[in-house]
Amino acid sequence: MAQAPIRVMLVDGNALYSEAISALIGSQKDFQMAGFCLSPGEARARISKELPDVVLLEIYSSDPNSFDLLRELPTLSSRTRAVATGDVESRENIVEAMRLGARGFLLKQAPAELFLKCLRKVNAGEIWLDGRFAEAVLNAFGSYTPENKKDSKNEISVREMEVIGLVVQGYKNKDIADKLFISEKTVKNHLSAIFHKVGVSDRLELTLYAFEKRPFSPNGDN
């Protein structure tokens, strides 16, 4: 039995960009365009009606409506996952979007291959940050010691940094185990230790923690 296509809805004020994305989505057998809206206000009713798998939502700090839509998304459609998009890499906007439930961030000028990969991973329940952000997270952790835990027992090890890097890139436990040549149980043990050291409870909080607590640029410069 053929797998149902991934239904995508785009919320973006640029009609030309929306048409280009619609054409790209329409060219892929495993995708289907569920529609596009020019504003978050217009999108609310469409999301409730269409129940897309993934919503691509343009965010920018000058318009809080996009963040309001992210906040309301679970009540509009519990099945829909959101990916925030933008013309520029704004650390503050990305952190806020992910805090409100976005499963990743994608630059609007990203190449088609990366764009489609992001949608597939997010639809599969993974978190998406492109390579530059993943590198920035690793750089942030490289010199990091948890607050109030400044002793050698709580420093993040080299192996734990490797695990963090793969988590940020969206890899699941089995994939991490395969890449690092360790067992899934060992991966779980590493994650448990990492969560305890930095005071988070899951992978998304781990990624957010790195962005929120450490001042760095998207290019990895501290």
Foldseek 3Di string as FASTA:
>chain_A
DDDAAQEEEEEAQDPVLVVVVQVLQVVDPRYHYLYYHNHLVVVLVSCLVSVGQEYEFEDDPVDCSSLVSLLCVCVSHVNYAYEYEYQDDDLVGQLSSVVSGHQEYDYSPDDSVVVVVCSVLVSVVFHADDPLQLLLLLLLLVPDFAPPRPDPVLRQDPVLSLLLSVNHHGDDLVRSCVVVVHDSVVSVVSVVSNCVSRVHDDSSVSSSCSSPVGDDDSNNHD
